[in-house]
N, C-alpha and C. Protein backbone atom coordinates (compact mmCIF):
# COMPACT_ATOMS: atom_id res chain seq x y z
N MET A 1 0.86 -1.18 0.00
CA MET A 1 0.00 0.00 0.00
C MET A 1 0.90 1.24 0.00
N GLU A 2 0.57 2.17 -0.85
CA GLU A 2 1.36 3.41 -0.93
C GLU A 2 1.16 4.25 0.32
N LYS A 3 2.17 5.06 0.63
CA LYS A 3 2.15 5.85 1.86
C LYS A 3 0.94 6.79 1.93
N THR A 4 0.54 7.37 0.79
CA THR A 4 -0.61 8.28 0.84
C THR A 4 -1.87 7.53 1.22
N HIS A 5 -2.00 6.29 0.77
CA HIS A 5 -3.19 5.52 1.10
C HIS A 5 -3.14 5.00 2.54
N LYS A 6 -1.94 4.74 3.04
CA LYS A 6 -1.80 4.40 4.46
C LYS A 6 -2.25 5.60 5.31
N TYR A 7 -1.89 6.79 4.86
CA TYR A 7 -2.29 8.00 5.59
C TYR A 7 -3.81 8.16 5.61
N LEU A 8 -4.46 7.95 4.47
CA LEU A 8 -5.92 8.05 4.43
C LEU A 8 -6.56 7.02 5.35
N GLN A 9 -6.01 5.80 5.39
CA GLN A 9 -6.53 4.77 6.28
C GLN A 9 -6.34 5.19 7.73
N TYR A 10 -5.19 5.77 8.04
CA TYR A 10 -4.91 6.27 9.38
C TYR A 10 -5.98 7.30 9.79
N LEU A 11 -6.34 8.19 8.88
CA LEU A 11 -7.36 9.20 9.18
C LEU A 11 -8.72 8.55 9.43
N ARG A 12 -9.05 7.53 8.66
CA ARG A 12 -10.33 6.83 8.84
C ARG A 12 -10.41 6.14 10.20
N GLU A 13 -9.26 5.78 10.76
CA GLU A 13 -9.22 5.08 12.05
C GLU A 13 -9.37 6.01 13.24
N GLN A 14 -9.33 7.31 13.02
CA GLN A 14 -9.45 8.28 14.12
C GLN A 14 -10.90 8.32 14.59
N ASP A 15 -11.09 8.58 15.87
CA ASP A 15 -12.45 8.59 16.42
C ASP A 15 -12.90 9.96 16.90
N THR A 16 -12.16 11.00 16.53
CA THR A 16 -12.53 12.36 16.93
C THR A 16 -12.41 13.28 15.72
N CYS A 17 -13.45 14.07 15.49
CA CYS A 17 -13.45 15.02 14.38
C CYS A 17 -12.46 16.15 14.67
N SER A 18 -11.68 16.50 13.67
CA SER A 18 -10.68 17.57 13.81
C SER A 18 -11.30 18.96 13.87
N LEU A 19 -12.57 19.07 13.53
CA LEU A 19 -13.20 20.39 13.46
C LEU A 19 -14.13 20.66 14.63
N CYS A 20 -14.96 19.68 15.00
CA CYS A 20 -15.90 19.91 16.11
C CYS A 20 -15.49 19.16 17.38
N TYR A 21 -14.49 18.28 17.28
CA TYR A 21 -13.92 17.52 18.39
C TYR A 21 -14.88 16.49 18.99
N LYS A 22 -15.96 16.18 18.30
CA LYS A 22 -16.87 15.13 18.79
C LYS A 22 -16.23 13.77 18.53
N ARG A 23 -16.47 12.86 19.49
CA ARG A 23 -16.01 11.48 19.29
C ARG A 23 -17.04 10.80 18.39
N THR A 24 -16.61 10.49 17.19
CA THR A 24 -17.50 9.95 16.18
C THR A 24 -16.68 9.33 15.07
N PRO A 25 -17.25 8.47 14.26
CA PRO A 25 -16.49 7.97 13.09
C PRO A 25 -16.08 9.15 12.20
N THR A 26 -14.89 9.04 11.63
CA THR A 26 -14.39 10.12 10.77
C THR A 26 -14.11 9.62 9.36
N GLU A 27 -13.98 10.58 8.47
CA GLU A 27 -13.62 10.31 7.08
C GLU A 27 -12.62 11.38 6.67
N PRO A 28 -11.75 11.08 5.70
CA PRO A 28 -10.78 12.08 5.27
C PRO A 28 -11.43 13.20 4.47
N HIS A 29 -11.11 14.42 4.83
CA HIS A 29 -11.53 15.58 4.05
C HIS A 29 -10.27 16.18 3.43
N HIS A 30 -10.23 16.29 2.11
CA HIS A 30 -9.08 16.85 1.41
C HIS A 30 -9.19 18.37 1.37
N ILE A 31 -8.27 19.05 1.99
CA ILE A 31 -8.26 20.52 1.95
C ILE A 31 -7.90 20.98 0.55
N ASP A 32 -6.87 20.36 -0.04
CA ASP A 32 -6.54 20.61 -1.44
C ASP A 32 -7.35 19.61 -2.26
N GLN A 33 -8.37 20.11 -2.92
CA GLN A 33 -9.29 19.23 -3.64
C GLN A 33 -8.58 18.48 -4.76
N ILE A 34 -9.01 17.25 -4.96
CA ILE A 34 -8.41 16.40 -5.98
C ILE A 34 -8.95 16.75 -7.36
N GLY A 35 -10.21 17.06 -7.45
CA GLY A 35 -10.78 17.45 -8.73
C GLY A 35 -11.49 16.29 -9.41
N MET A 36 -12.46 16.63 -10.19
CA MET A 36 -13.26 15.64 -10.91
C MET A 36 -12.40 14.97 -11.98
N GLY A 37 -12.59 13.68 -12.14
CA GLY A 37 -11.94 12.95 -13.21
C GLY A 37 -10.55 12.43 -12.88
N ARG A 38 -9.98 12.84 -11.75
CA ARG A 38 -8.64 12.34 -11.39
C ARG A 38 -8.77 11.02 -10.64
N ASN A 39 -7.81 10.18 -10.81
CA ASN A 39 -7.82 8.86 -10.18
C ASN A 39 -7.36 8.97 -8.73
N ARG A 40 -8.29 8.85 -7.80
CA ARG A 40 -7.99 8.97 -6.38
C ARG A 40 -7.15 7.80 -5.86
N LYS A 41 -7.06 6.74 -6.63
CA LYS A 41 -6.28 5.58 -6.21
C LYS A 41 -4.79 5.77 -6.43
N LYS A 42 -4.43 6.82 -7.15
CA LYS A 42 -3.01 7.09 -7.38
C LYS A 42 -2.40 7.75 -6.16
N ASN A 43 -1.08 7.77 -6.13
CA ASN A 43 -0.32 8.39 -5.05
C ASN A 43 -0.33 9.91 -5.28
N LEU A 44 -1.31 10.61 -4.74
CA LEU A 44 -1.49 12.04 -4.97
C LEU A 44 -1.04 12.85 -3.75
N ARG A 45 -0.35 13.97 -3.99
CA ARG A 45 0.08 14.82 -2.88
C ARG A 45 -1.11 15.38 -2.11
N GLU A 46 -2.24 15.55 -2.77
CA GLU A 46 -3.43 16.09 -2.10
C GLU A 46 -3.90 15.21 -0.94
N HIS A 47 -3.58 13.92 -0.99
CA HIS A 47 -3.96 13.04 0.12
C HIS A 47 -3.31 13.49 1.44
N PHE A 48 -2.12 14.09 1.35
CA PHE A 48 -1.42 14.51 2.56
C PHE A 48 -1.98 15.79 3.16
N THR A 49 -2.95 16.43 2.51
CA THR A 49 -3.60 17.59 3.10
C THR A 49 -4.99 17.23 3.62
N ALA A 50 -5.25 15.95 3.76
CA ALA A 50 -6.54 15.51 4.29
C ALA A 50 -6.51 15.53 5.82
N ILE A 51 -7.69 15.72 6.40
CA ILE A 51 -7.84 15.71 7.86
C ILE A 51 -9.06 14.85 8.21
N PRO A 52 -9.09 14.23 9.40
CA PRO A 52 -10.24 13.43 9.78
C PRO A 52 -11.39 14.31 10.27
N VAL A 53 -12.54 14.16 9.65
CA VAL A 53 -13.72 14.94 10.03
C VAL A 53 -14.95 14.05 10.08
N CYS A 54 -15.94 14.48 10.83
CA CYS A 54 -17.22 13.77 10.87
C CYS A 54 -18.05 14.16 9.65
N ARG A 55 -19.07 13.39 9.36
CA ARG A 55 -19.90 13.65 8.19
C ARG A 55 -20.57 15.03 8.26
N PRO A 56 -21.17 15.46 9.39
CA PRO A 56 -21.80 16.79 9.42
C PRO A 56 -20.81 17.93 9.13
N CYS A 57 -19.60 17.87 9.73
CA CYS A 57 -18.60 18.92 9.47
C CYS A 57 -18.13 18.88 8.02
N HIS A 58 -17.98 17.68 7.48
CA HIS A 58 -17.54 17.53 6.09
C HIS A 58 -18.55 18.19 5.15
N THR A 59 -19.82 17.93 5.41
CA THR A 59 -20.88 18.51 4.58
C THR A 59 -20.90 20.03 4.71
N GLU A 60 -20.83 20.54 5.94
CA GLU A 60 -20.84 21.99 6.15
C GLU A 60 -19.63 22.65 5.47
N TYR A 61 -18.46 22.02 5.58
CA TYR A 61 -17.24 22.56 4.98
C TYR A 61 -17.42 22.72 3.47
N HIS A 62 -17.97 21.69 2.83
CA HIS A 62 -18.17 21.76 1.38
C HIS A 62 -19.27 22.76 1.01
N ASN A 63 -20.30 22.85 1.83
CA ASN A 63 -21.39 23.79 1.54
C ASN A 63 -20.93 25.24 1.66
N LEU A 64 -20.12 25.54 2.66
CA LEU A 64 -19.66 26.92 2.88
C LEU A 64 -18.43 27.28 2.05
N GLY A 65 -17.59 26.30 1.79
CA GLY A 65 -16.32 26.57 1.15
C GLY A 65 -15.26 26.81 2.20
N GLN A 66 -14.00 26.63 1.80
CA GLN A 66 -12.90 26.70 2.76
C GLN A 66 -12.81 28.05 3.47
N LYS A 67 -12.88 29.12 2.71
CA LYS A 67 -12.70 30.44 3.32
C LYS A 67 -13.80 30.76 4.33
N MET A 68 -15.07 30.55 3.94
CA MET A 68 -16.17 30.87 4.85
C MET A 68 -16.17 29.95 6.07
N TYR A 69 -15.90 28.65 5.85
CA TYR A 69 -15.88 27.72 6.98
C TYR A 69 -14.77 28.10 7.96
N SER A 70 -13.59 28.39 7.42
CA SER A 70 -12.44 28.75 8.26
C SER A 70 -12.71 30.02 9.06
N THR A 71 -13.34 31.00 8.43
CA THR A 71 -13.67 32.25 9.11
C THR A 71 -14.73 32.02 10.18
N LYS A 72 -15.78 31.29 9.83
CA LYS A 72 -16.87 31.03 10.77
C LYS A 72 -16.38 30.32 12.03
N HIS A 73 -15.51 29.34 11.86
CA HIS A 73 -15.06 28.52 12.99
C HIS A 73 -13.67 28.89 13.50
N GLN A 74 -13.08 29.95 12.92
CA GLN A 74 -11.77 30.43 13.35
C GLN A 74 -10.72 29.32 13.38
N ILE A 75 -10.57 28.66 12.23
CA ILE A 75 -9.58 27.59 12.12
C ILE A 75 -8.66 27.85 10.93
N ASN A 76 -7.50 27.23 10.96
CA ASN A 76 -6.61 27.19 9.81
C ASN A 76 -6.50 25.72 9.43
N PRO A 77 -7.18 25.28 8.36
CA PRO A 77 -7.18 23.86 8.03
C PRO A 77 -5.78 23.30 7.74
N TYR A 78 -4.87 24.13 7.26
CA TYR A 78 -3.52 23.64 6.97
C TYR A 78 -2.74 23.36 8.26
N GLU A 79 -2.99 24.10 9.33
CA GLU A 79 -2.37 23.79 10.62
C GLU A 79 -2.88 22.44 11.13
N ILE A 80 -4.17 22.20 10.94
CA ILE A 80 -4.76 20.93 11.37
C ILE A 80 -4.16 19.79 10.54
N ALA A 81 -4.03 19.99 9.23
CA ALA A 81 -3.46 18.97 8.35
C ALA A 81 -2.01 18.67 8.73
N LEU A 82 -1.25 19.70 9.06
CA LEU A 82 0.15 19.50 9.46
C LEU A 82 0.23 18.69 10.75
N TYR A 83 -0.66 18.97 11.68
CA TYR A 83 -0.71 18.22 12.94
C TYR A 83 -0.90 16.73 12.66
N TRP A 84 -1.93 16.39 11.85
CA TRP A 84 -2.24 14.99 11.59
C TRP A 84 -1.15 14.30 10.77
N LEU A 85 -0.60 14.99 9.79
CA LEU A 85 0.47 14.40 9.00
C LEU A 85 1.70 14.15 9.87
N SER A 86 2.02 15.08 10.76
CA SER A 86 3.15 14.90 11.67
C SER A 86 2.95 13.68 12.56
N LYS A 87 1.76 13.54 13.13
CA LYS A 87 1.46 12.38 13.98
C LYS A 87 1.63 11.08 13.21
N PHE A 88 1.13 11.07 11.98
CA PHE A 88 1.24 9.87 11.14
C PHE A 88 2.69 9.54 10.84
N LEU A 89 3.47 10.52 10.45
CA LEU A 89 4.87 10.27 10.09
C LEU A 89 5.69 9.81 11.29
N ILE A 90 5.42 10.35 12.46
CA ILE A 90 6.12 9.91 13.67
C ILE A 90 5.75 8.46 13.97
N LYS A 91 4.47 8.14 13.82
CA LYS A 91 4.01 6.76 14.06
C LYS A 91 4.65 5.80 13.05
N GLU A 92 4.75 6.20 11.81
CA GLU A 92 5.35 5.37 10.76
C GLU A 92 6.83 5.11 11.04
N ASP A 93 7.53 6.12 11.56
CA ASP A 93 8.95 5.98 11.84
C ASP A 93 9.24 5.23 13.13
N ASN A 94 8.25 5.14 14.01
CA ASN A 94 8.42 4.47 15.31
C ASN A 94 7.28 3.49 15.55
N PRO A 95 7.25 2.38 14.80
CA PRO A 95 6.13 1.42 14.94
C PRO A 95 6.05 0.75 16.29
């Protein structure tokens, strides 16, 4: 399994939403959108900007757009993505 897909699986295994902090099943939300027609199964750099979010936050994020969501909730999604990617890389280097 490619490292980007291991990272997405790692995000799916998280039990707390990065945006609302509720303990709930999560799914990866790509901050840098992949775009229609691209093969998500490939090793894409956009996978590394994903964060674990719950379904309600994921839906709201897409409905509002990144700028409005970030302003409304006073977050920087790239700081959150860096946090999760750092945790994953440390875990990968120290199994």
